[in-house]
Amino acid sequence: MTDQPPSQPPPPGAHPPGPGQAPGAPYPPAAAPKTSGFAVVSLILGIGGLCTCGVTSLVGLVLGIIALRQVNRSGGALGGRGVAIGGIVASALTLLVGVVLWVAGAAVYYYGDRQVTWFRDLTVHQTLDMTAKALEVYRMDVGHYPTGAEGGLEALVRRPPAVPDDAWHGPYLSEAPVDLWGNPLVYEPPDPTGRDLAAVTYHLWSLGPDGVADTPDDIERQ
């Protein structure tokens, strides 16, 4: 009788010989472990964070950590460890970039808005100051600030009928003053009741962007 070589145990992960397969025949290769779906999604979301300013990166980071833990605990039954690590790294980097972009955008918006407000107020105050200078010249010529009966600020452009021609040396302005938004400046003449008009002050202000009186955006001459 011919001696038969002793049978060798199957390699780890190999399947036993199927029907009709000789015992000494090579074993088929073991199937590759399935890649973790969380790992794939994590990598996609991490890369996609470049287009979403890091919005998807946080989810990608969480899924990458979950996938890495699942792969490590599966004992080789679940693959995709490298994909999970790549998802974690990509998500962390794009999340950091997203945070920087959001902070930079907020800073630009905040300081840009402050600059616009500063320039707006400066422009309106220049108009208020120009009108105030015209009112002072009118007072020196006529002897008092324009009254409501004299037309208010219109008296700076056209001589009121009640003002003598030799006293009015205008026009003190080429047209009635308006603010940055096209609204006429609001002028409150001095109260003439029992008081010297030449010694009483007036109030001059802009209605601001909303064009409504007595709101927080009104700009008054200081």
C-alpha atoms as a PDB file:
ATOM      1  CA  MET A   1       0.000   0.000   0.000  1.00  0.00           C
ATOM      2  CA  THR A   2       1.327   3.480  -0.916  1.00  0.00           C
ATOM      3  CA  ASP A   3       1.887   5.771   2.019  1.00  0.00           C
ATOM      4  CA  GLN A   4      -0.383   8.857   1.892  1.00  0.00           C
ATOM      5  CA  PRO A   5       0.959  12.152   3.121  1.00  0.00           C
ATOM      6  CA  PRO A   6      -0.754  13.334   6.254  1.00  0.00           C
ATOM      7  CA  SER A   7      -3.502  15.851   5.612  1.00  0.00           C
ATOM      8  CA  GLN A   8      -2.663  19.453   6.517  1.00  0.00           C
ATOM      9  CA  PRO A   9      -5.080  21.583   8.513  1.00  0.00           C
ATOM     10  CA  PRO A  10      -6.781  24.303   6.517  1.00  0.00           C
ATOM     11  CA  PRO A  11      -5.253  27.768   6.797  1.00  0.00           C
ATOM     12  CA  PRO A  12      -7.032  30.271   9.040  1.00  0.00           C
ATOM     13  CA  GLY A  13     -10.095  31.736   7.347  1.00  0.00           C
ATOM     14  CA  ALA A  14     -10.090  29.125   4.534  1.00  0.00           C
ATOM     15  CA  HIS A  15     -13.250  27.240   3.724  1.00  0.00           C
ATOM     16  CA  PRO A  16     -13.289  23.384   3.936  1.00  0.00           C
ATOM     17  CA  PRO A  17     -13.261  21.522   0.610  1.00  0.00           C
ATOM     18  CA  GLY A  18     -16.610  21.572  -1.071  1.00  0.00           C
ATOM     19  CA  PRO A  19     -18.425  18.642  -2.651  1.00  0.00           C
ATOM     20  CA  GLY A  20     -16.340  16.899  -5.336  1.00  0.00           C
ATOM     21  CA  GLN A  21     -13.149  18.616  -4.228  1.00  0.00           C
ATOM     22  CA  ALA A  22     -10.224  16.325  -3.421  1.00  0.00           C
ATOM     23  CA  PRO A  23      -9.002  16.588   0.147  1.00  0.00           C
ATOM     24  CA  GLY A  24      -5.495  17.496  -0.977  1.00  0.00           C
ATOM     25  CA  ALA A  25      -6.651  20.239  -3.372  1.00  0.00           C
ATOM     26  CA  PRO A  26      -5.781  23.907  -2.536  1.00  0.00           C
ATOM     27  CA  TYR A  27      -8.300  25.748  -0.401  1.00  0.00           C
ATOM     28  CA  PRO A  28     -10.081  28.750  -1.971  1.00  0.00           C
ATOM     29  CA  PRO A  29      -8.906  32.157  -0.683  1.00  0.00           C
ATOM     30  CA  ALA A  30     -10.826  33.674   2.185  1.00  0.00           C
ATOM     31  CA  ALA A  31     -13.235  36.495   1.313  1.00  0.00           C
ATOM     32  CA  ALA A  32     -12.003  40.014   2.100  1.00  0.00           C
ATOM     33  CA  PRO A  33     -13.735  41.603   5.097  1.00  0.00           C
ATOM     34  CA  LYS A  34     -16.500  44.054   4.306  1.00  0.00           C
ATOM     35  CA  THR A  35     -15.505  47.736   4.501  1.00  0.00           C
ATOM     36  CA  SER A  36     -17.333  49.718   7.156  1.00  0.00           C
ATOM     37  CA  GLY A  37     -20.018  51.909   5.645  1.00  0.00           C
ATOM     38  CA  PHE A  38     -19.521  54.494   8.382  1.00  0.00           C
ATOM     39  CA  ALA A  39     -15.871  54.779   7.370  1.00  0.00           C
ATOM     40  CA  VAL A  40     -16.778  55.489   3.737  1.00  0.00           C
ATOM     41  CA  VAL A  41     -19.421  58.058   4.688  1.00  0.00           C
ATOM     42  CA  SER A  42     -16.976  59.689   7.107  1.00  0.00           C
ATOM     43  CA  LEU A  43     -14.393  60.141   4.361  1.00  0.00           C
ATOM     44  CA  ILE A  44     -16.991  61.570   1.966  1.00  0.00           C
ATOM     45  CA  LEU A  45     -18.330  64.024   4.532  1.00  0.00           C
ATOM     46  CA  GLY A  46     -14.824  65.034   5.561  1.00  0.00           C
ATOM     47  CA  ILE A  47     -13.819  65.873   2.004  1.00  0.00           C
ATOM     48  CA  GLY A  48     -17.178  67.519   1.405  1.00  0.00           C
ATOM     49  CA  GLY A  49     -16.444  69.854   4.299  1.00  0.00           C
ATOM     50  CA  LEU A  50     -14.270  71.859   1.916  1.00  0.00           C
ATOM     51  CA  CYS A  51     -17.412  72.825  -0.001  1.00  0.00           C
ATOM     52  CA  THR A  52     -19.628  73.353   3.052  1.00  0.00           C
ATOM     53  CA  CYS A  53     -17.194  75.365   5.214  1.00  0.00           C
ATOM     54  CA  GLY A  54     -16.990  72.494   7.692  1.00  0.00           C
ATOM     55  CA  VAL A  55     -20.747  71.972   8.108  1.00  0.00           C
ATOM     56  CA  THR A  56     -20.540  68.263   7.215  1.00  0.00           C
ATOM     57  CA  SER A  57     -17.155  67.756   8.855  1.00  0.00           C
ATOM     58  CA  LEU A  58     -18.468  67.369  12.388  1.00  0.00           C
ATOM     59  CA  VAL A  59     -20.751  64.501  11.339  1.00  0.00           C
ATOM     60  CA  GLY A  60     -17.896  62.966   9.351  1.00  0.00           C
ATOM     61  CA  LEU A  61     -15.618  63.143  12.395  1.00  0.00           C
ATOM     62  CA  VAL A  62     -18.154  61.376  14.620  1.00  0.00           C
ATOM     63  CA  LEU A  63     -18.837  58.665  12.046  1.00  0.00           C
ATOM     64  CA  GLY A  64     -15.105  58.129  11.511  1.00  0.00           C
ATOM     65  CA  ILE A  65     -14.545  57.532  15.226  1.00  0.00           C
ATOM     66  CA  ILE A  66     -17.504  55.132  15.370  1.00  0.00           C
ATOM     67  CA  ALA A  67     -16.230  53.242  12.316  1.00  0.00           C
ATOM     68  CA  LEU A  68     -12.709  52.935  13.726  1.00  0.00           C
ATOM     69  CA  ARG A  69     -14.045  51.492  16.984  1.00  0.00           C
ATOM     70  CA  GLN A  70     -16.237  49.023  15.109  1.00  0.00           C
ATOM     71  CA  VAL A  71     -13.332  47.830  12.954  1.00  0.00           C
ATOM     72  CA  ASN A  72     -11.041  47.415  15.951  1.00  0.00           C
ATOM     73  CA  ARG A  73     -13.663  45.376  17.809  1.00  0.00           C
ATOM     74  CA  SER A  74     -14.672  43.169  14.888  1.00  0.00           C
ATOM     75  CA  GLY A  75     -11.609  40.928  15.069  1.00  0.00           C
ATOM     76  CA  GLY A  76     -10.959  41.197  11.357  1.00  0.00           C
ATOM     77  CA  ALA A  77     -14.561  40.616  10.257  1.00  0.00           C
ATOM     78  CA  LEU A  78     -14.948  44.293   9.340  1.00  0.00           C
ATOM     79  CA  GLY A  79     -12.469  46.246   7.252  1.00  0.00           C
ATOM     80  CA  GLY A  80     -11.908  49.887   6.405  1.00  0.00           C
ATOM     81  CA  ARG A  81      -9.596  50.944   9.215  1.00  0.00           C
ATOM     82  CA  GLY A  82      -7.512  53.094   6.870  1.00  0.00           C
ATOM     83  CA  VAL A  83     -10.646  54.615   5.357  1.00  0.00           C
ATOM     84  CA  ALA A  84     -11.943  55.457   8.840  1.00  0.00           C
ATOM     85  CA  ILE A  85      -8.646  57.112   9.797  1.00  0.00           C
ATOM     86  CA  GLY A  86      -8.684  59.058   6.550  1.00  0.00           C
ATOM     87  CA  GLY A  87     -12.240  60.199   7.272  1.00  0.00           C
ATOM     88  CA  ILE A  88     -11.251  61.325  10.770  1.00  0.00           C
ATOM     89  CA  VAL A  89      -8.247  63.273   9.499  1.00  0.00           C
ATOM     90  CA  ALA A  90     -10.133  64.851   6.583  1.00  0.00           C
ATOM     91  CA  SER A  91     -13.078  65.766   8.796  1.00  0.00           C
ATOM     92  CA  ALA A  92     -10.850  67.287  11.481  1.00  0.00           C
ATOM     93  CA  LEU A  93      -8.901  69.375   8.982  1.00  0.00           C
ATOM     94  CA  THR A  94     -11.937  70.655   7.096  1.00  0.00           C
ATOM     95  CA  LEU A  95     -13.718  71.329  10.387  1.00  0.00           C
ATOM     96  CA  LEU A  96     -10.778  73.464  11.486  1.00  0.00           C
ATOM     97  CA  VAL A  97     -10.776  75.301   8.169  1.00  0.00           C
ATOM     98  CA  GLY A  98     -14.528  75.812   8.459  1.00  0.00           C
ATOM     99  CA  VAL A  99     -14.244  77.270  11.958  1.00  0.00           C
ATOM    100  CA  VAL A 100     -11.543  79.676  10.771  1.00  0.00           C
ATOM    101  CA  LEU A 101     -13.691  80.763   7.827  1.00  0.00           C
ATOM    102  CA  TRP A 102     -16.775  81.259   9.995  1.00  0.00           C
ATOM    103  CA  VAL A 103     -14.842  83.316  12.535  1.00  0.00           C
ATOM    104  CA  ALA A 104     -13.206  85.370   9.794  1.00  0.00           C
ATOM    105  CA  GLY A 105     -16.567  85.952   8.117  1.00  0.00           C
ATOM    106  CA  ALA A 106     -18.163  87.046  11.373  1.00  0.00           C
ATOM    107  CA  ALA A 107     -15.288  89.428  12.054  1.00  0.00           C
ATOM    108  CA  VAL A 108     -15.498  90.950   8.578  1.00  0.00           C
ATOM    109  CA  TYR A 109     -19.272  91.373   8.909  1.00  0.00           C
ATOM    110  CA  TYR A 110     -19.038  92.911  12.379  1.00  0.00           C
ATOM    111  CA  TYR A 111     -16.189  95.318  11.713  1.00  0.00           C
ATOM    112  CA  GLY A 112     -17.381  96.026   8.185  1.00  0.00           C
ATOM    113  CA  ASP A 113     -20.795  96.995   9.526  1.00  0.00           C
ATOM    114  CA  ARG A 114     -19.162  99.234  12.122  1.00  0.00           C
ATOM    115  CA  GLN A 115     -17.115 100.935   9.400  1.00  0.00           C
ATOM    116  CA  VAL A 116     -20.222 101.499   7.278  1.00  0.00           C
ATOM    117  CA  THR A 117     -22.065 102.944  10.282  1.00  0.00           C
ATOM    118  CA  TRP A 118     -19.119 105.209  11.117  1.00  0.00           C
ATOM    119  CA  PHE A 119     -18.885 106.509   7.539  1.00  0.00           C
ATOM    120  CA  ARG A 120     -22.664 106.980   7.386  1.00  0.00           C
ATOM    121  CA  ASP A 121     -22.737 108.970  10.609  1.00  0.00           C
ATOM    122  CA  LEU A 122     -19.743 111.034   9.522  1.00  0.00           C
ATOM    123  CA  THR A 123     -21.464 111.975   6.258  1.00  0.00           C
ATOM    124  CA  VAL A 124     -24.696 112.941   8.014  1.00  0.00           C
ATOM    125  CA  HIS A 125     -22.835 114.984  10.644  1.00  0.00           C
ATOM    126  CA  GLN A 126     -21.053 116.878   7.868  1.00  0.00           C
ATOM    127  CA  THR A 127     -24.431 117.820   6.401  1.00  0.00           C
ATOM    128  CA  LEU A 128     -25.703 118.816   9.847  1.00  0.00           C
ATOM    129  CA  ASP A 129     -22.606 120.943  10.487  1.00  0.00           C
ATOM    130  CA  MET A 130     -22.901 122.649   7.103  1.00  0.00           C
ATOM    131  CA  THR A 131     -26.537 123.492   7.844  1.00  0.00           C
ATOM    132  CA  ALA A 132     -25.644 124.710  11.327  1.00  0.00           C
ATOM    133  CA  LYS A 133     -23.056 127.105   9.890  1.00  0.00           C
ATOM    134  CA  ALA A 134     -25.662 128.467   7.485  1.00  0.00           C
ATOM    135  CA  LEU A 135     -28.063 128.956  10.402  1.00  0.00           C
ATOM    136  CA  GLU A 136     -25.419 130.925  12.317  1.00  0.00           C
ATOM    137  CA  VAL A 137     -24.800 133.228   9.336  1.00  0.00           C
ATOM    138  CA  TYR A 138     -28.565 133.713   8.974  1.00  0.00           C
ATOM    139  CA  ARG A 139     -28.794 134.609  12.675  1.00  0.00           C
ATOM    140  CA  MET A 140     -25.982 137.159  12.375  1.00  0.00           C
ATOM    141  CA  ASP A 141     -27.663 138.791   9.355  1.00  0.00           C
ATOM    142  CA  VAL A 142     -31.307 138.696  10.419  1.00  0.00           C
ATOM    143  CA  GLY A 143     -30.853 138.754  14.191  1.00  0.00           C
ATOM    144  CA  HIS A 144     -32.419 135.397  15.003  1.00  0.00           C
ATOM    145  CA  TYR A 145     -32.610 131.826  13.804  1.00  0.00           C
ATOM    146  CA  PRO A 146     -35.279 131.000  11.206  1.00  0.00           C
ATOM    147  CA  THR A 147     -38.713 130.559  12.748  1.00  0.00           C
ATOM    148  CA  GLY A 148     -41.513 128.257  11.707  1.00  0.00           C
ATOM    149  CA  ALA A 149     -43.378 131.228  10.243  1.00  0.00           C
ATOM    150  CA  GLU A 150     -40.317 132.013   8.115  1.00  0.00           C
ATOM    151  CA  GLY A 151     -40.304 128.479   6.689  1.00  0.00           C
ATOM    152  CA  GLY A 152     -37.658 126.892   8.868  1.00  0.00           C
ATOM    153  CA  LEU A 153     -34.703 125.699   6.793  1.00  0.00           C
ATOM    154  CA  GLU A 154     -36.344 127.034   3.631  1.00  0.00           C
ATOM    155  CA  ALA A 155     -35.400 130.499   4.901  1.00  0.00           C
ATOM    156  CA  LEU A 156     -31.783 129.568   4.189  1.00  0.00           C
ATOM    157  CA  VAL A 157     -32.581 129.121   0.486  1.00  0.00           C
ATOM    158  CA  ARG A 158     -35.244 131.803  -0.164  1.00  0.00           C
ATOM    159  CA  ARG A 159     -35.882 135.050   1.657  1.00  0.00           C
ATOM    160  CA  PRO A 160     -38.974 134.905   3.821  1.00  0.00           C
ATOM    161  CA  PRO A 161     -41.434 137.715   3.032  1.00  0.00           C
ATOM    162  CA  ALA A 162     -41.333 138.926   6.639  1.00  0.00           C
ATOM    163  CA  VAL A 163     -37.549 139.409   6.570  1.00  0.00           C
ATOM    164  CA  PRO A 164     -36.339 142.734   5.152  1.00  0.00           C
ATOM    165  CA  ASP A 165     -34.443 142.501   1.897  1.00  0.00           C
ATOM    166  CA  ASP A 166     -31.473 144.423   3.265  1.00  0.00           C
ATOM    167  CA  ALA A 167     -31.144 141.999   6.209  1.00  0.00           C
ATOM    168  CA  TRP A 168     -31.237 138.737   4.265  1.00  0.00           C
ATOM    169  CA  HIS A 169     -27.940 138.168   2.426  1.00  0.00           C
ATOM    170  CA  GLY A 170     -28.598 134.654   1.174  1.00  0.00           C
ATOM    171  CA  PRO A 171     -29.037 132.184  -0.204  1.00  0.00           C
ATOM    172  CA  TYR A 172     -27.101 130.569   2.608  1.00  0.00           C
ATOM    173  CA  LEU A 173     -27.572 127.127   1.036  1.00  0.00           C
ATOM    174  CA  SER A 174     -28.150 126.249  -2.603  1.00  0.00           C
ATOM    175  CA  GLU A 175     -31.064 123.958  -1.684  1.00  0.00           C
ATOM    176  CA  ALA A 176     -32.906 122.643   1.337  1.00  0.00           C
ATOM    177  CA  PRO A 177     -30.574 120.156   3.080  1.00  0.00           C
ATOM    178  CA  VAL A 178     -31.324 116.433   2.999  1.00  0.00           C
ATOM    179  CA  ASP A 179     -29.596 113.534   4.726  1.00  0.00           C
ATOM    180  CA  LEU A 180     -27.803 110.536   3.232  1.00  0.00           C
ATOM    181  CA  TRP A 181     -31.118 108.785   2.547  1.00  0.00           C
ATOM    182  CA  GLY A 182     -32.764 111.719   0.793  1.00  0.00           C
ATOM    183  CA  ASN A 183     -34.902 112.760   3.768  1.00  0.00           C
ATOM    184  CA  PRO A 184     -35.085 116.474   4.666  1.00  0.00           C
ATOM    185  CA  LEU A 185     -33.256 117.418   7.835  1.00  0.00           C
ATOM    186  CA  VAL A 186     -35.563 118.050  10.766  1.00  0.00           C
ATOM    187  CA  TYR A 187     -35.269 121.546  12.203  1.00  0.00           C
ATOM    188  CA  GLU A 188     -36.963 122.604  15.415  1.00  0.00           C
ATOM    189  CA  PRO A 189     -36.828 126.398  15.699  1.00  0.00           C
ATOM    190  CA  PRO A 190     -36.311 128.118  19.055  1.00  0.00           C
ATOM    191  CA  ASP A 191     -39.438 128.739  21.084  1.00  0.00           C
ATOM    192  CA  PRO A 192     -40.112 132.495  20.741  1.00  0.00           C
ATOM    193  CA  THR A 193     -42.451 132.706  23.721  1.00  0.00           C
ATOM    194  CA  GLY A 194     -41.117 135.473  25.930  1.00  0.00           C
ATOM    195  CA  ARG A 195     -37.512 134.748  25.009  1.00  0.00           C
ATOM    196  CA  ASP A 196     -34.776 136.313  22.909  1.00  0.00           C
ATOM    197  CA  LEU A 197     -34.552 134.343  19.650  1.00  0.00           C
ATOM    198  CA  ALA A 198     -30.918 135.281  19.243  1.00  0.00           C
ATOM    199  CA  ALA A 199     -30.026 133.617  22.539  1.00  0.00           C
ATOM    200  CA  VAL A 200     -32.192 130.490  22.260  1.00  0.00           C
ATOM    201  CA  THR A 201     -30.805 127.403  20.611  1.00  0.00           C
ATOM    202  CA  TYR A 202     -32.493 125.121  18.119  1.00  0.00           C
ATOM    203  CA  HIS A 203     -32.551 121.385  17.418  1.00  0.00           C
ATOM    204  CA  LEU A 204     -31.338 119.872  14.157  1.00  0.00           C
ATOM    205  CA  TRP A 205     -31.263 116.163  13.319  1.00  0.00           C
ATOM    206  CA  SER A 206     -31.652 113.455  10.690  1.00  0.00           C
ATOM    207  CA  LEU A 207     -34.385 110.825  10.807  1.00  0.00           C
ATOM    208  CA  GLY A 208     -31.812 108.138  10.006  1.00  0.00           C
ATOM    209  CA  PRO A 209     -32.172 105.190   7.634  1.00  0.00           C
ATOM    210  CA  ASP A 210     -35.780 104.410   8.548  1.00  0.00           C
ATOM    211  CA  GLY A 211     -37.007 107.972   7.915  1.00  0.00           C
ATOM    212  CA  VAL A 212     -39.115 107.857  11.102  1.00  0.00           C
ATOM    213  CA  ALA A 213     -38.844 110.345  13.942  1.00  0.00           C
ATOM    214  CA  ASP A 214     -38.023 109.393  17.523  1.00  0.00           C
ATOM    215  CA  THR A 215     -36.396 106.056  16.696  1.00  0.00           C
ATOM    216  CA  PRO A 216     -32.962 104.794  17.821  1.00  0.00           C
ATOM    217  CA  ASP A 217     -31.334 105.458  14.441  1.00  0.00           C
ATOM    218  CA  ASP A 218     -32.002 109.220  14.523  1.00  0.00           C
ATOM    219  CA  ILE A 219     -28.795 111.238  14.223  1.00  0.00           C
ATOM    220  CA  GLU A 220     -28.782 114.557  16.089  1.00  0.00           C
ATOM    221  CA  ARG A 221     -26.209 117.265  15.761  1.00  0.00           C
ATOM    222  CA  GLN A 222     -24.051 117.312  18.868  1.00  0.00           C
END
